[in-house]
Amino acid sequence: MPQRENGAIPLHFAVIKSDGGANGRVVRHTIIEAAIAIEYNGIGYAVMMATPFDLHDYAIGFSLSEGLIGSADQIPAIDIHQSDLGWIVRIQLPNANAEKVIERARQRVSESSCGLCGMDNLQEVMRALPPIKTSLDVPDSAIFTALTSLREHQRLNAATGSAHAAAFCTPDGSIQMTREDVGRHNALDKLIGALAAAQIAPSSGFILVTARCSLELVQKTILAQCPMLVTISAATDLAIRTAEKLGLRLVSLARPDAALVAMPRTD
């Protein structure tokens, strides 16, 4: 069985060429995408497509992003099992928290890494979020410092060329922690979970994500109470409006030489 522990698997490929040259063969590491079934207290909650690596962090981060817990210590046990069809992540919650599971598990089945897939009404998608309670002084230079060093922290992407990364950065731009996944939402959930497990306050730094900035990433960042989010690609209008409303500093289309910060609207 090929090595799978690092989130990738070596596969053989035939190489075809546009100039009609001789075809060749190559071995490349390919990112693993698998069905991850999430259960709370024996109740099936969601099935996500993700990379089965750092699943303990993912279980904590997903639970935080879903609003099912307020801190990592509210999860007494996490059991992770591989099956023929994918992976099963069994999360134990106190009875008081489990009531939320029963309420939100109704028709809550997802088939992608999208953080909103399976939500069954507009009120749940546009759920009320707490405003950012802390401010953080991050000089512009710190953003470019983090961007410059990000690649060396993307080991899975270096091996496969197909992994998103979410990195937690100190105010001076030093990358403190990184998590990767085939899905950008999963990578962010893994990072949030890893920070919670390590008892690192998201309010003490900023998050950098290798993705476009959609509403879901903004929601997860706000729920984590991180005051600043930087994304490699552009932001949607709803992401920008939500960030502005709730006090999240949002930097998008971030490149080593320039980035965009939405200006307050005057209308």
C-alpha atoms as a PDB file:
ATOM      1  CA  MET A   1       0.000   0.000   0.000  1.00  0.00           C
ATOM      2  CA  PRO A   2       1.465   3.415  -0.970  1.00  0.00           C
ATOM      3  CA  GLN A   3       2.305   5.829   1.859  1.00  0.00           C
ATOM      4  CA  ARG A   4      -0.721   7.945   2.785  1.00  0.00           C
ATOM      5  CA  GLU A   5       0.219   9.435   6.138  1.00  0.00           C
ATOM      6  CA  ASN A   6       1.188  12.870   4.829  1.00  0.00           C
ATOM      7  CA  GLY A   7      -2.102  13.522   3.005  1.00  0.00           C
ATOM      8  CA  ALA A   8      -0.746  12.454  -0.400  1.00  0.00           C
ATOM      9  CA  ILE A   9      -0.253   9.255  -2.336  1.00  0.00           C
ATOM     10  CA  PRO A  10       2.270   8.513  -5.150  1.00  0.00           C
ATOM     11  CA  LEU A  11       0.634   7.640  -8.477  1.00  0.00           C
ATOM     12  CA  HIS A  12       1.970   6.878 -11.952  1.00  0.00           C
ATOM     13  CA  PHE A  13       1.043   9.177 -14.849  1.00  0.00           C
ATOM     14  CA  ALA A  14       1.631   9.163 -18.579  1.00  0.00           C
ATOM     15  CA  VAL A  15       2.961  12.483 -19.888  1.00  0.00           C
ATOM     16  CA  ILE A  16       1.530  13.777 -23.173  1.00  0.00           C
ATOM     17  CA  LYS A  17       3.147  16.699 -25.013  1.00  0.00           C
ATOM     18  CA  SER A  18       1.693  19.451 -27.159  1.00  0.00           C
ATOM     19  CA  ASP A  19       4.592  19.365 -29.620  1.00  0.00           C
ATOM     20  CA  GLY A  20       4.025  15.712 -30.418  1.00  0.00           C
ATOM     21  CA  GLY A  21       7.203  14.620 -28.670  1.00  0.00           C
ATOM     22  CA  ALA A  22       7.623  11.201 -27.198  1.00  0.00           C
ATOM     23  CA  ASN A  23       5.324  10.487 -24.291  1.00  0.00           C
ATOM     24  CA  GLY A  24       6.900   9.665 -20.978  1.00  0.00           C
ATOM     25  CA  ARG A  25       6.006   8.451 -17.540  1.00  0.00           C
ATOM     26  CA  VAL A  26       6.258  10.182 -14.202  1.00  0.00           C
ATOM     27  CA  VAL A  27       5.437   9.461 -10.564  1.00  0.00           C
ATOM     28  CA  ARG A  28       3.715  12.323  -8.763  1.00  0.00           C
ATOM     29  CA  HIS A  29       2.333  12.668  -5.281  1.00  0.00           C
ATOM     30  CA  THR A  30      -1.408  13.291  -5.518  1.00  0.00           C
ATOM     31  CA  ILE A  31      -3.447  14.852  -2.750  1.00  0.00           C
ATOM     32  CA  ILE A  32      -5.946  12.523  -1.095  1.00  0.00           C
ATOM     33  CA  GLU A  33      -9.606  13.478  -1.234  1.00  0.00           C
ATOM     34  CA  ALA A  34     -11.903  11.327   0.861  1.00  0.00           C
ATOM     35  CA  ALA A  35     -15.381  11.311   2.358  1.00  0.00           C
ATOM     36  CA  ILE A  36     -15.217  12.344   6.008  1.00  0.00           C
ATOM     37  CA  ALA A  37     -18.348  11.399   7.956  1.00  0.00           C
ATOM     38  CA  ILE A  38     -18.777  13.512  11.079  1.00  0.00           C
ATOM     39  CA  GLU A  39     -20.797  12.129  13.968  1.00  0.00           C
ATOM     40  CA  TYR A  40     -21.697  13.729  17.278  1.00  0.00           C
ATOM     41  CA  ASN A  41     -22.766  11.421  20.116  1.00  0.00           C
ATOM     42  CA  GLY A  42     -23.644   8.767  17.549  1.00  0.00           C
ATOM     43  CA  ILE A  43     -25.709  11.134  15.391  1.00  0.00           C
ATOM     44  CA  GLY A  44     -24.654  11.563  11.770  1.00  0.00           C
ATOM     45  CA  TYR A  45     -24.155  15.276  11.175  1.00  0.00           C
ATOM     46  CA  ALA A  46     -22.346  15.843   7.875  1.00  0.00           C
ATOM     47  CA  VAL A  47     -20.256  14.204   5.192  1.00  0.00           C
ATOM     48  CA  MET A  48     -17.453  16.422   3.923  1.00  0.00           C
ATOM     49  CA  MET A  49     -14.936  15.871   1.156  1.00  0.00           C
ATOM     50  CA  ALA A  50     -11.531  16.591   2.666  1.00  0.00           C
ATOM     51  CA  THR A  51      -7.936  15.435   3.006  1.00  0.00           C
ATOM     52  CA  PRO A  52      -7.770  12.815   5.814  1.00  0.00           C
ATOM     53  CA  PHE A  53      -4.851  14.436   7.569  1.00  0.00           C
ATOM     54  CA  ASP A  54      -4.907  16.491  10.806  1.00  0.00           C
ATOM     55  CA  LEU A  55      -8.438  15.204  11.365  1.00  0.00           C
ATOM     56  CA  HIS A  56      -8.242  15.788  15.115  1.00  0.00           C
ATOM     57  CA  ASP A  57      -7.675  19.498  14.454  1.00  0.00           C
ATOM     58  CA  TYR A  58     -10.437  19.390  11.860  1.00  0.00           C
ATOM     59  CA  ALA A  59     -12.910  17.886  14.338  1.00  0.00           C
ATOM     60  CA  ILE A  60     -12.278  20.700  16.818  1.00  0.00           C
ATOM     61  CA  GLY A  61     -12.268  23.479  14.218  1.00  0.00           C
ATOM     62  CA  PHE A  62     -15.387  22.207  12.455  1.00  0.00           C
ATOM     63  CA  SER A  63     -17.214  22.003  15.786  1.00  0.00           C
ATOM     64  CA  LEU A  64     -16.195  25.569  16.632  1.00  0.00           C
ATOM     65  CA  SER A  65     -17.199  26.882  13.199  1.00  0.00           C
ATOM     66  CA  GLU A  66     -20.578  25.145  13.485  1.00  0.00           C
ATOM     67  CA  GLY A  67     -21.176  26.827  16.824  1.00  0.00           C
ATOM     68  CA  LEU A  68     -21.541  23.492  18.600  1.00  0.00           C
ATOM     69  CA  ILE A  69     -18.799  24.245  21.145  1.00  0.00           C
ATOM     70  CA  GLY A  70     -17.169  27.334  22.551  1.00  0.00           C
ATOM     71  CA  SER A  71     -13.758  25.865  23.295  1.00  0.00           C
ATOM     72  CA  ALA A  72     -11.732  22.738  22.611  1.00  0.00           C
ATOM     73  CA  ASP A  73     -12.090  21.458  26.164  1.00  0.00           C
ATOM     74  CA  GLN A  74     -15.828  20.967  25.593  1.00  0.00           C
ATOM     75  CA  ILE A  75     -14.980  17.874  23.541  1.00  0.00           C
ATOM     76  CA  PRO A  76     -14.145  15.005  25.919  1.00  0.00           C
ATOM     77  CA  ALA A  77     -13.319  12.511  23.172  1.00  0.00           C
ATOM     78  CA  ILE A  78     -12.603  12.277  19.445  1.00  0.00           C
ATOM     79  CA  ASP A  79     -12.338   8.878  17.711  1.00  0.00           C
ATOM     80  CA  ILE A  80     -11.153   8.637  14.110  1.00  0.00           C
ATOM     81  CA  HIS A  81     -11.615   5.476  12.064  1.00  0.00           C
ATOM     82  CA  GLN A  82     -10.890   4.577   8.454  1.00  0.00           C
ATOM     83  CA  SER A  83     -13.424   2.476   6.557  1.00  0.00           C
ATOM     84  CA  ASP A  84     -13.590   1.115   3.028  1.00  0.00           C
ATOM     85  CA  LEU A  85     -15.642   4.124   1.920  1.00  0.00           C
ATOM     86  CA  GLY A  86     -13.812   6.900   3.752  1.00  0.00           C
ATOM     87  CA  TRP A  87     -13.221   8.113   7.275  1.00  0.00           C
ATOM     88  CA  ILE A  88     -15.494   8.416  10.297  1.00  0.00           C
ATOM     89  CA  VAL A  89     -14.844  11.118  12.867  1.00  0.00           C
ATOM     90  CA  ARG A  90     -16.802  10.428  16.050  1.00  0.00           C
ATOM     91  CA  ILE A  91     -16.992  13.416  18.388  1.00  0.00           C
ATOM     92  CA  GLN A  92     -18.347  13.232  21.909  1.00  0.00           C
ATOM     93  CA  LEU A  93     -20.123  16.284  23.299  1.00  0.00           C
ATOM     94  CA  PRO A  94     -21.751  17.066  26.648  1.00  0.00           C
ATOM     95  CA  ASN A  95     -25.519  16.601  26.634  1.00  0.00           C
ATOM     96  CA  ALA A  96     -26.152  20.351  26.662  1.00  0.00           C
ATOM     97  CA  ASN A  97     -24.144  20.785  23.458  1.00  0.00           C
ATOM     98  CA  ALA A  98     -25.722  17.741  21.840  1.00  0.00           C
ATOM     99  CA  GLU A  99     -29.086  19.499  21.743  1.00  0.00           C
ATOM    100  CA  LYS A 100     -27.648  21.840  19.114  1.00  0.00           C
ATOM    101  CA  VAL A 101     -26.566  18.830  17.076  1.00  0.00           C
ATOM    102  CA  ILE A 102     -30.081  17.405  16.941  1.00  0.00           C
ATOM    103  CA  GLU A 103     -31.468  20.774  15.887  1.00  0.00           C
ATOM    104  CA  ARG A 104     -28.888  21.506  13.195  1.00  0.00           C
ATOM    105  CA  ALA A 105     -28.427  17.978  11.870  1.00  0.00           C
ATOM    106  CA  ARG A 106     -31.801  18.023  10.148  1.00  0.00           C
ATOM    107  CA  GLN A 107     -31.142  17.743   6.419  1.00  0.00           C
ATOM    108  CA  ARG A 108     -27.541  18.891   7.099  1.00  0.00           C
ATOM    109  CA  VAL A 109     -25.679  16.699   4.583  1.00  0.00           C
ATOM    110  CA  SER A 110     -22.782  18.068   2.532  1.00  0.00           C
ATOM    111  CA  GLU A 111     -20.976  16.670  -0.471  1.00  0.00           C
ATOM    112  CA  SER A 112     -18.186  19.219  -0.767  1.00  0.00           C
ATOM    113  CA  SER A 113     -15.805  21.299   1.296  1.00  0.00           C
ATOM    114  CA  CYS A 114     -18.184  24.256   1.033  1.00  0.00           C
ATOM    115  CA  GLY A 115     -18.988  25.583   4.465  1.00  0.00           C
ATOM    116  CA  LEU A 116     -22.595  26.385   3.497  1.00  0.00           C
ATOM    117  CA  CYS A 117     -23.577  23.249   1.581  1.00  0.00           C
ATOM    118  CA  GLY A 118     -26.506  21.435   3.128  1.00  0.00           C
ATOM    119  CA  MET A 119     -27.851  24.380   5.106  1.00  0.00           C
ATOM    120  CA  ASP A 120     -31.582  24.290   4.596  1.00  0.00           C
ATOM    121  CA  ASN A 121     -32.679  27.920   5.017  1.00  0.00           C
ATOM    122  CA  LEU A 122     -31.468  31.462   4.449  1.00  0.00           C
ATOM    123  CA  GLN A 123     -31.594  32.322   8.132  1.00  0.00           C
ATOM    124  CA  GLU A 124     -29.005  29.650   8.885  1.00  0.00           C
ATOM    125  CA  VAL A 125     -26.703  30.819   6.080  1.00  0.00           C
ATOM    126  CA  MET A 126     -26.965  34.437   7.184  1.00  0.00           C
ATOM    127  CA  ARG A 127     -26.705  33.588  10.874  1.00  0.00           C
ATOM    128  CA  ALA A 128     -25.970  36.306  13.399  1.00  0.00           C
ATOM    129  CA  LEU A 129     -22.288  36.615  14.196  1.00  0.00           C
ATOM    130  CA  PRO A 130     -20.564  38.332  17.112  1.00  0.00           C
ATOM    131  CA  PRO A 131     -18.580  41.448  16.167  1.00  0.00           C
ATOM    132  CA  ILE A 132     -14.805  41.316  16.476  1.00  0.00           C
ATOM    133  CA  LYS A 133     -14.038  42.389  20.035  1.00  0.00           C
ATOM    134  CA  THR A 134     -10.310  43.070  19.769  1.00  0.00           C
ATOM    135  CA  SER A 135      -8.139  45.187  17.510  1.00  0.00           C
ATOM    136  CA  LEU A 136      -4.687  44.290  16.286  1.00  0.00           C
ATOM    137  CA  ASP A 137      -1.932  46.570  15.063  1.00  0.00           C
ATOM    138  CA  VAL A 138      -0.527  44.848  11.973  1.00  0.00           C
ATOM    139  CA  PRO A 139       1.764  46.939   9.760  1.00  0.00           C
ATOM    140  CA  ASP A 140       1.338  46.492   6.026  1.00  0.00           C
ATOM    141  CA  SER A 141       4.870  45.120   5.842  1.00  0.00           C
ATOM    142  CA  ALA A 142       3.809  42.112   7.975  1.00  0.00           C
ATOM    143  CA  ILE A 143       1.360  41.010   5.285  1.00  0.00           C
ATOM    144  CA  PHE A 144       4.101  40.839   2.682  1.00  0.00           C
ATOM    145  CA  THR A 145       6.478  39.152   5.110  1.00  0.00           C
ATOM    146  CA  ALA A 146       3.940  36.365   5.626  1.00  0.00           C
ATOM    147  CA  LEU A 147       3.225  36.061   1.907  1.00  0.00           C
ATOM    148  CA  THR A 148       6.928  35.773   1.108  1.00  0.00           C
ATOM    149  CA  SER A 149       7.480  32.895   3.536  1.00  0.00           C
ATOM    150  CA  LEU A 150       4.168  31.080   3.005  1.00  0.00           C
ATOM    151  CA  ARG A 151       5.386  28.690   0.328  1.00  0.00           C
ATOM    152  CA  GLU A 152       7.979  27.095   2.597  1.00  0.00           C
ATOM    153  CA  HIS A 153       5.177  26.189   5.026  1.00  0.00           C
ATOM    154  CA  GLN A 154       3.076  24.471   2.332  1.00  0.00           C
ATOM    155  CA  ARG A 155       4.582  20.996   2.371  1.00  0.00           C
ATOM    156  CA  LEU A 156       1.517  19.189   1.051  1.00  0.00           C
ATOM    157  CA  ASN A 157       1.064  21.680  -1.766  1.00  0.00           C
ATOM    158  CA  ALA A 158       4.754  21.440  -2.641  1.00  0.00           C
ATOM    159  CA  ALA A 159       4.332  17.690  -3.049  1.00  0.00           C
ATOM    160  CA  THR A 160       0.998  17.731  -4.899  1.00  0.00           C
ATOM    161  CA  GLY A 161       0.355  21.211  -6.305  1.00  0.00           C
ATOM    162  CA  SER A 162      -3.281  20.971  -5.222  1.00  0.00           C
ATOM    163  CA  ALA A 163      -3.602  21.860  -1.537  1.00  0.00           C
ATOM    164  CA  HIS A 164      -4.978  25.007   0.018  1.00  0.00           C
ATOM    165  CA  ALA A 165      -3.289  26.372   3.122  1.00  0.00           C
ATOM    166  CA  ALA A 166      -4.459  28.404   6.089  1.00  0.00           C
ATOM    167  CA  ALA A 167      -1.696  30.001   8.147  1.00  0.00           C
ATOM    168  CA  PHE A 168      -1.756  31.809  11.479  1.00  0.00           C
ATOM    169  CA  CYS A 169       0.638  34.735  11.592  1.00  0.00           C
ATOM    170  CA  THR A 170       1.953  36.884  14.406  1.00  0.00           C
ATOM    171  CA  PRO A 171       1.531  40.679  14.080  1.00  0.00           C
ATOM    172  CA  ASP A 172       5.026  40.968  12.591  1.00  0.00           C
ATOM    173  CA  GLY A 173       4.174  38.503   9.805  1.00  0.00           C
ATOM    174  CA  SER A 174       5.910  35.406  11.180  1.00  0.00           C
ATOM    175  CA  ILE A 175       3.961  32.238  10.371  1.00  0.00           C
ATOM    176  CA  GLN A 176       3.291  30.374  13.614  1.00  0.00           C
ATOM    177  CA  MET A 177       1.142  27.496  12.370  1.00  0.00           C
ATOM    178  CA  THR A 178      -0.153  26.141   9.045  1.00  0.00           C
ATOM    179  CA  ARG A 179      -2.729  23.546   8.042  1.00  0.00           C
ATOM    180  CA  GLU A 180      -3.459  22.233   4.521  1.00  0.00           C
ATOM    181  CA  ASP A 181      -6.356  20.494   2.793  1.00  0.00           C
ATOM    182  CA  VAL A 182      -7.871  19.965  -0.627  1.00  0.00           C
ATOM    183  CA  GLY A 183     -10.616  22.384   0.459  1.00  0.00           C
ATOM    184  CA  ARG A 184      -9.988  25.933   1.614  1.00  0.00           C
ATOM    185  CA  HIS A 185     -12.759  25.773   4.220  1.00  0.00           C
ATOM    186  CA  ASN A 186     -11.328  22.544   5.607  1.00  0.00           C
ATOM    187  CA  ALA A 187      -7.844  24.038   5.817  1.00  0.00           C
ATOM    188  CA  LEU A 188      -9.228  26.966   7.822  1.00  0.00           C
ATOM    189  CA  ASP A 189     -11.220  24.675  10.127  1.00  0.00           C
ATOM    190  CA  LYS A 190      -8.080  22.603  10.733  1.00  0.00           C
ATOM    191  CA  LEU A 191      -6.133  25.743  11.594  1.00  0.00           C
ATOM    192  CA  ILE A 192      -8.835  27.014  13.957  1.00  0.00           C
ATOM    193  CA  GLY A 193      -8.924  23.619  15.646  1.00  0.00           C
ATOM    194  CA  ALA A 194      -5.144  23.459  15.964  1.00  0.00           C
ATOM    195  CA  LEU A 195      -5.070  26.922  17.546  1.00  0.00           C
ATOM    196  CA  ALA A 196      -7.772  25.930  20.011  1.00  0.00           C
ATOM    197  CA  ALA A 197      -5.984  22.691  20.915  1.00  0.00           C
ATOM    198  CA  ALA A 198      -2.741  24.604  21.470  1.00  0.00           C
ATOM    199  CA  GLN A 199      -4.583  27.287  23.472  1.00  0.00           C
ATOM    200  CA  ILE A 200      -3.397  30.023  21.111  1.00  0.00           C
ATOM    201  CA  ALA A 201      -5.847  32.922  20.929  1.00  0.00           C
ATOM    202  CA  PRO A 202      -6.763  33.742  17.301  1.00  0.00           C
ATOM    203  CA  SER A 203      -7.072  37.361  18.440  1.00  0.00           C
ATOM    204  CA  SER A 204      -3.296  37.492  18.897  1.00  0.00           C
ATOM    205  CA  GLY A 205      -2.510  37.376  15.170  1.00  0.00           C
ATOM    206  CA  PHE A 206      -3.981  37.203  11.692  1.00  0.00           C
ATOM    207  CA  ILE A 207      -4.980  34.437   9.285  1.00  0.00           C
ATOM    208  CA  LEU A 208      -3.642  34.010   5.762  1.00  0.00           C
ATOM    209  CA  VAL A 209      -5.520  31.720   3.347  1.00  0.00           C
ATOM    210  CA  THR A 210      -4.536  30.600  -0.164  1.00  0.00           C
ATOM    211  CA  ALA A 211      -7.983  31.048  -1.661  1.00  0.00           C
ATOM    212  CA  ARG A 212     -10.582  33.476  -2.847  1.00  0.00           C
ATOM    213  CA  CYS A 213     -12.396  35.127   0.009  1.00  0.00           C
ATOM    214  CA  SER A 214     -16.000  33.989   0.165  1.00  0.00           C
ATOM    215  CA  LEU A 215     -18.559  34.538   2.909  1.00  0.00           C
ATOM    216  CA  GLU A 216     -17.794  31.220   4.621  1.00  0.00           C
ATOM    217  CA  LEU A 217     -14.144  32.108   5.259  1.00  0.00           C
ATOM    218  CA  VAL A 218     -15.162  35.445   6.735  1.00  0.00           C
ATOM    219  CA  GLN A 219     -17.773  33.774   8.941  1.00  0.00           C
ATOM    220  CA  LYS A 220     -15.305  31.206  10.274  1.00  0.00           C
ATOM    221  CA  THR A 221     -12.703  33.898  10.971  1.00  0.00           C
ATOM    222  CA  ILE A 222     -15.200  36.085  12.796  1.00  0.00           C
ATOM    223  CA  LEU A 223     -16.476  33.176  14.886  1.00  0.00           C
ATOM    224  CA  ALA A 224     -12.866  32.463  15.838  1.00  0.00           C
ATOM    225  CA  GLN A 225     -12.547  36.141  16.849  1.00  0.00           C
ATOM    226  CA  CYS A 226      -9.481  36.697  14.701  1.00  0.00           C
ATOM    227  CA  PRO A 227      -9.357  40.412  13.821  1.00  0.00           C
ATOM    228  CA  MET A 228      -7.723  40.136  10.389  1.00  0.00           C
ATOM    229  CA  LEU A 229      -8.016  37.848   7.362  1.00  0.00           C
ATOM    230  CA  VAL A 230      -5.707  37.925   4.341  1.00  0.00           C
ATOM    231  CA  THR A 231      -6.597  35.945   1.204  1.00  0.00           C
ATOM    232  CA  ILE A 232      -4.534  35.266  -1.894  1.00  0.00           C
ATOM    233  CA  SER A 233      -7.442  35.774  -4.305  1.00  0.00           C
ATOM    234  CA  ALA A 234     -10.223  38.335  -4.503  1.00  0.00           C
ATOM    235  CA  ALA A 235     -13.114  38.718  -2.085  1.00  0.00           C
ATOM    236  CA  THR A 236     -16.809  38.598  -2.915  1.00  0.00           C
ATOM    237  CA  ASP A 237     -19.038  41.576  -2.209  1.00  0.00           C
ATOM    238  CA  LEU A 238     -20.858  39.723   0.572  1.00  0.00           C
ATOM    239  CA  ALA A 239     -17.580  38.771   2.223  1.00  0.00           C
ATOM    240  CA  ILE A 240     -16.469  42.414   2.128  1.00  0.00           C
ATOM    241  CA  ARG A 241     -19.776  43.740   3.476  1.00  0.00           C
ATOM    242  CA  THR A 242     -19.884  41.171   6.281  1.00  0.00           C
ATOM    243  CA  ALA A 243     -16.291  41.876   7.289  1.00  0.00           C
ATOM    244  CA  GLU A 244     -16.910  45.626   7.326  1.00  0.00           C
ATOM    245  CA  LYS A 245     -20.086  45.271   9.383  1.00  0.00           C
ATOM    246  CA  LEU A 246     -18.497  43.116  12.066  1.00  0.00           C
ATOM    247  CA  GLY A 247     -15.082  44.746  12.355  1.00  0.00           C
ATOM    248  CA  LEU A 248     -12.930  42.209  10.536  1.00  0.00           C
ATOM    249  CA  ARG A 249     -10.004  43.732   8.657  1.00  0.00           C
ATOM    250  CA  LEU A 250     -10.098  42.027   5.269  1.00  0.00           C
ATOM    251  CA  VAL A 251      -7.157  42.064   2.862  1.00  0.00           C
ATOM    252  CA  SER A 252      -7.647  40.313  -0.462  1.00  0.00           C
ATOM    253  CA  LEU A 253      -5.886  39.659  -3.770  1.00  0.00           C
ATOM    254  CA  ALA A 254      -2.715  39.610  -1.716  1.00  0.00           C
ATOM    255  CA  ARG A 255       0.468  39.276  -3.731  1.00  0.00           C
ATOM    256  CA  PRO A 256       4.112  39.732  -2.724  1.00  0.00           C
ATOM    257  CA  ASP A 257       4.068  43.292  -4.088  1.00  0.00           C
ATOM    258  CA  ALA A 258       0.501  44.543  -3.499  1.00  0.00           C
ATOM    259  CA  ALA A 259      -2.850  43.766  -1.875  1.00  0.00           C
ATOM    260  CA  LEU A 260      -6.361  45.207  -1.721  1.00  0.00           C
ATOM    261  CA  VAL A 261      -8.170  46.598   1.320  1.00  0.00           C
ATOM    262  CA  ALA A 262     -11.807  47.533   0.743  1.00  0.00           C
ATOM    263  CA  MET A 263     -12.575  51.159   1.550  1.00  0.00           C
ATOM    264  CA  PRO A 264     -15.625  51.960   3.702  1.00  0.00           C
ATOM    265  CA  ARG A 265     -18.749  52.490   1.621  1.00  0.00           C
ATOM    266  CA  THR A 266     -20.341  55.903   1.637  1.00  0.00           C
ATOM    267  CA  ASP A 267     -23.796  54.968   0.295  1.00  0.00           C
END
